[in-house]
Protein backbone atom coordinates (compact mmCIF):
# COMPACT_ATOMS: atom_id res chain seq x y z
CA MET A 1 21.29 8.16 -4.73
CA PRO A 2 17.57 8.86 -4.09
CA LEU A 3 15.18 6.79 -6.06
CA ILE A 4 12.79 8.47 -8.44
CA PRO A 5 9.31 6.93 -8.14
CA GLU A 6 8.51 5.07 -11.28
CA GLU A 7 5.65 3.11 -12.70
CA PRO A 8 5.73 -0.18 -10.77
CA GLN A 9 6.56 -2.62 -13.55
CA ILE A 10 7.74 -6.01 -12.30
CA HIS A 11 11.04 -6.83 -14.00
CA GLU A 12 10.13 -10.30 -15.20
CA LYS A 13 8.53 -8.87 -18.37
CA ALA A 14 5.16 -9.35 -16.70
CA GLN A 15 2.26 -7.79 -18.49
CA GLY A 16 -1.16 -7.27 -16.98
CA PRO A 17 -4.19 -5.08 -17.39
CA ARG A 18 -3.99 -1.52 -16.25
CA ALA A 19 -5.99 -0.48 -13.23
CA THR A 20 -6.35 2.58 -11.11
CA PRO A 21 -4.20 2.75 -7.94
CA ALA A 22 -5.54 1.10 -4.81
CA SER A 23 -7.22 3.36 -2.32
CA GLY A 24 -4.81 5.39 -0.27
CA ARG A 25 -1.92 5.02 -2.77
CA THR A 26 0.25 7.92 -3.81
CA ALA A 27 1.20 6.34 -7.15
CA PRO A 28 1.33 9.04 -9.84
CA THR A 29 0.43 6.63 -12.62
CA PRO A 30 -1.88 3.60 -12.88
CA ARG A 31 -0.36 0.32 -11.66
CA PRO A 32 -0.72 -3.07 -13.31
CA VAL A 33 -3.08 -5.16 -11.26
CA PRO A 34 -3.69 -8.83 -12.05
CA GLY A 35 -7.31 -8.69 -10.96
CA PRO A 36 -9.37 -8.48 -7.79
CA ARG A 37 -8.03 -10.34 -4.78
CA PRO A 38 -10.05 -11.67 -1.87
CA ALA A 39 -9.95 -9.53 1.22
CA ALA A 40 -7.22 -10.42 3.71
CA PRO A 41 -8.56 -12.81 6.33
CA PRO A 42 -9.03 -11.47 9.84
CA ARG A 43 -6.33 -12.26 12.31
CA PRO A 44 -7.22 -15.72 13.64
CA GLY A 45 -7.15 -16.63 17.28
CA ARG A 46 -5.45 -19.72 18.67
CA PRO A 47 -7.37 -22.74 17.36
CA GLY A 48 -8.81 -25.65 19.26
CA PRO A 49 -7.63 -29.26 19.03
CA VAL A 50 -8.05 -29.34 15.23
CA ARG A 51 -5.82 -26.91 13.37
CA PRO A 52 -7.86 -24.86 10.89
CA ALA A 53 -6.66 -24.05 7.40
CA PRO A 54 -4.40 -20.97 7.31
CA PRO A 55 -5.26 -17.89 5.29
CA ALA A 56 -5.20 -18.59 1.58
CA GLN A 57 -1.72 -19.25 0.24
CA ARG A 58 -0.60 -19.82 -3.28
CA ALA A 59 -0.09 -23.38 -4.44
CA PRO A 60 3.27 -24.07 -6.13
CA ARG A 61 3.05 -23.86 -9.89
CA ASP A 62 4.09 -26.44 -12.42
CA THR A 63 6.67 -24.21 -14.03
CA ALA A 64 7.65 -26.78 -16.64
CA ALA A 65 4.12 -26.81 -18.07
CA GLU A 66 3.12 -23.20 -17.37
CA PRO A 67 5.36 -20.66 -19.10
CA GLY A 68 5.04 -17.00 -18.28
CA PRO A 69 3.84 -14.48 -20.83
CA SER A 70 7.39 -13.71 -21.93
CA GLY A 71 8.86 -17.23 -22.09
CA PRO A 72 9.51 -20.27 -19.91
CA ALA A 73 8.81 -19.95 -16.20
CA ALA A 74 11.64 -18.93 -13.93
CA PRO A 75 13.40 -21.62 -11.89
CA SER A 76 12.23 -22.20 -8.34
CA THR A 77 15.64 -21.57 -6.79
CA PRO A 78 17.07 -18.08 -6.30
CA GLU A 79 19.50 -16.97 -8.99
CA ALA A 80 23.12 -17.07 -8.01
CA THR A 81 24.45 -13.61 -8.74
CA SER A 82 27.29 -11.47 -7.53
CA ALA A 83 25.60 -8.26 -8.65
CA ALA A 84 23.41 -6.17 -6.40
CA PRO A 85 19.67 -6.77 -6.86
CA GLN A 86 17.64 -4.42 -9.00
CA ILE A 87 15.55 -2.08 -6.81
CA GLN A 88 12.00 -1.08 -7.71
CA LEU A 89 9.91 1.44 -5.76
CA ILE A 90 6.11 1.23 -5.59
CA PRO A 91 4.69 4.39 -3.97
CA ALA A 92 2.11 3.61 -1.29
CA THR A 93 0.82 4.98 2.00
CA PRO A 94 1.48 3.00 5.20
CA ASP A 95 -2.14 1.81 5.09
CA GLY A 96 -1.80 0.72 1.47
CA ALA A 97 1.72 -0.72 1.52
CA LEU A 98 0.67 -4.27 2.39
CA ASP A 99 -1.90 -4.32 -0.41
CA ALA A 100 0.73 -3.00 -2.82
CA ALA A 101 3.10 -5.76 -1.74
CA GLU A 102 0.40 -8.39 -2.29
CA GLU A 103 -0.29 -7.06 -5.77
CA ALA A 104 3.45 -7.18 -6.52
CA VAL A 105 3.54 -10.82 -5.40
CA ASP A 106 0.55 -11.63 -7.62
CA LEU A 107 2.32 -10.09 -10.61
CA LEU A 108 5.52 -11.97 -9.86
CA LEU A 109 3.65 -15.28 -9.80
CA ASP A 110 1.75 -14.37 -12.95
CA SER A 111 5.08 -13.66 -14.66
CA GLY A 112 6.32 -17.17 -13.91
CA ARG A 113 7.96 -16.89 -10.50
CA THR A 114 7.28 -19.79 -8.16
CA PRO A 115 5.98 -19.04 -4.65
CA GLY A 116 9.23 -20.25 -3.10
CA ASP A 117 11.09 -17.48 -4.94
CA VAL A 118 9.46 -14.74 -2.88
CA LEU A 119 10.05 -13.34 0.60
CA VAL A 120 7.85 -10.52 1.99
CA ILE A 121 9.02 -8.37 4.92
CA THR A 122 6.77 -5.95 6.81
CA THR A 123 7.92 -3.03 8.96
CA GLY A 124 4.71 -2.60 10.96
CA GLU A 125 1.85 -4.98 11.66
CA LEU A 126 2.42 -8.62 10.74
CA HIS A 127 0.88 -9.99 7.57
CA PRO A 128 -2.25 -12.00 8.55
CA TRP A 129 -0.66 -15.23 7.29
CA ALA A 130 2.41 -14.73 9.50
CA ALA A 131 0.27 -13.86 12.52
CA HIS A 132 -1.81 -16.99 12.00
CA GLU A 133 1.13 -19.34 11.57
CA LEU A 134 2.99 -17.92 14.57
CA SER A 135 -0.02 -18.81 16.71
CA PHE A 136 1.11 -22.45 16.32
CA GLY A 137 4.58 -21.72 17.60
CA ASP A 138 7.89 -20.39 16.39
CA ALA A 139 9.22 -23.80 15.32
CA ALA A 140 6.25 -24.60 13.07
CA TYR A 141 6.40 -21.14 11.54
CA TRP A 142 10.08 -21.37 10.61
CA ALA A 143 9.66 -24.96 9.40
CA GLN A 144 7.47 -23.55 6.64
CA HIS A 145 10.24 -21.10 5.77
CA ASP A 146 12.77 -23.92 5.60
CA ALA A 147 10.50 -25.94 3.30
CA GLY A 148 10.90 -23.12 0.77
CA ASP A 149 7.86 -24.08 -1.29
CA ASP A 150 5.63 -21.05 -0.69
CA VAL A 151 5.72 -17.28 -0.32
CA PHE A 152 7.05 -16.56 3.17
CA TYR A 153 5.93 -13.54 5.20
CA THR A 154 7.94 -12.19 8.11
CA ASP A 155 8.63 -8.89 9.83
CA ALA A 156 11.69 -6.72 10.28
CA ALA A 157 12.35 -7.89 13.85
CA VAL A 158 13.19 -11.44 12.76
CA ALA A 159 13.86 -10.99 9.04
CA ASP A 160 17.56 -11.68 9.50
CA ARG A 161 16.66 -15.33 10.12
CA ALA A 162 15.26 -15.65 6.61
CA ALA A 163 17.34 -17.20 3.85
CA SER A 164 18.04 -15.51 0.53
CA ARG A 165 15.37 -15.67 -2.17
CA ALA A 166 15.30 -14.48 -5.75
CA VAL A 167 12.84 -11.67 -4.96
CA VAL A 168 12.29 -9.81 -1.70
CA VAL A 169 9.32 -7.47 -1.25
CA VAL A 170 9.32 -4.92 1.60
CA ALA A 171 6.08 -3.31 2.79
CA PHE A 172 6.62 -0.04 4.70
CA ASN A 173 3.33 -0.47 6.56
CA GLY A 174 4.20 1.55 9.64
CA GLY A 175 6.52 0.82 12.53
CA PRO A 176 9.50 2.78 13.88
CA GLU A 177 12.32 4.11 11.71
CA ALA A 178 14.65 1.42 13.08
CA ALA A 179 12.34 -1.27 11.68
CA ALA A 180 12.40 0.37 8.25
CA VAL A 181 16.20 0.50 8.25
CA THR A 182 16.46 -3.12 9.41
CA ALA A 183 13.92 -4.37 6.87
CA LEU A 184 15.58 -2.62 3.94
CA THR A 185 19.08 -3.65 4.99
CA VAL A 186 18.11 -7.31 5.37
CA ALA A 187 16.03 -7.28 2.20
CA HIS A 188 18.92 -5.89 0.18
CA SER A 189 21.23 -8.64 1.45
CA ARG A 190 18.68 -11.43 0.86
CA ALA A 191 17.40 -10.45 -2.60
CA GLY A 192 19.07 -12.45 -5.33
CA ALA A 193 17.68 -10.60 -8.36
CA LEU A 194 14.99 -8.08 -7.44
CA LEU A 195 14.11 -5.93 -4.42
CA ILE A 196 10.65 -4.32 -4.45
CA VAL A 197 9.91 -1.64 -1.84
CA CYS A 198 6.32 -0.51 -1.25
CA GLY A 199 5.90 2.68 0.75
CA ASP A 200 6.29 6.42 0.96
CA PRO A 201 9.05 7.49 -1.47
CA GLN A 202 10.34 10.22 0.84
CA ARG A 203 10.73 7.80 3.73
CA ILE A 204 12.34 5.14 1.55
CA ASN A 205 14.81 7.64 0.10
CA SER A 206 15.61 8.75 3.65
CA VAL A 207 16.43 5.16 4.63
CA LEU A 208 18.46 4.63 1.48
CA GLY A 209 20.33 7.85 2.18
CA ALA A 210 21.25 6.49 5.61
CA GLY A 211 23.61 4.09 3.89
CA VAL A 212 21.51 0.99 3.18
């Protein structure tokens, strides 16, 4: 059944100040934005002998001492559930989908989710963090995934290697139709509680109609 675009409200009872949609968005109503974020770092080149710090990542939270606005913080492990994940659509253009996904992640963390709860999949260009970490090799990149203590960014081509997490965010930031189908299929199978899809509603409904 096609999804009807709705106001992007993260289903962890997160509350945040209202803001106008990011530039290039097609959202019909204002979206909750936790505040200004630093610009995404430029794609780094291969470093010299000393490995530089990667683009800014979120430090794990002390969930026992930092409750969310609606109660105690969520556990750091994905919820075990036999039900299909709840699906939320955030309308965005291909150019704005990655920003929309980042804002969704910020809201999830503000609501009490730990960074290790969240997996982000892109359909087009890699997230800058993923591009940076892959410059050190495939093994080092996936070791960070296996550690499970931070938000992990990957793309549709290799997303099937990712383990399940409580929340999966998909950014429809370009790429071929096959990548969109793969990303949404994998995301649906990996999301334990919530699947957030950021992109053009017509394209997302088309992919969902294909049997995802």
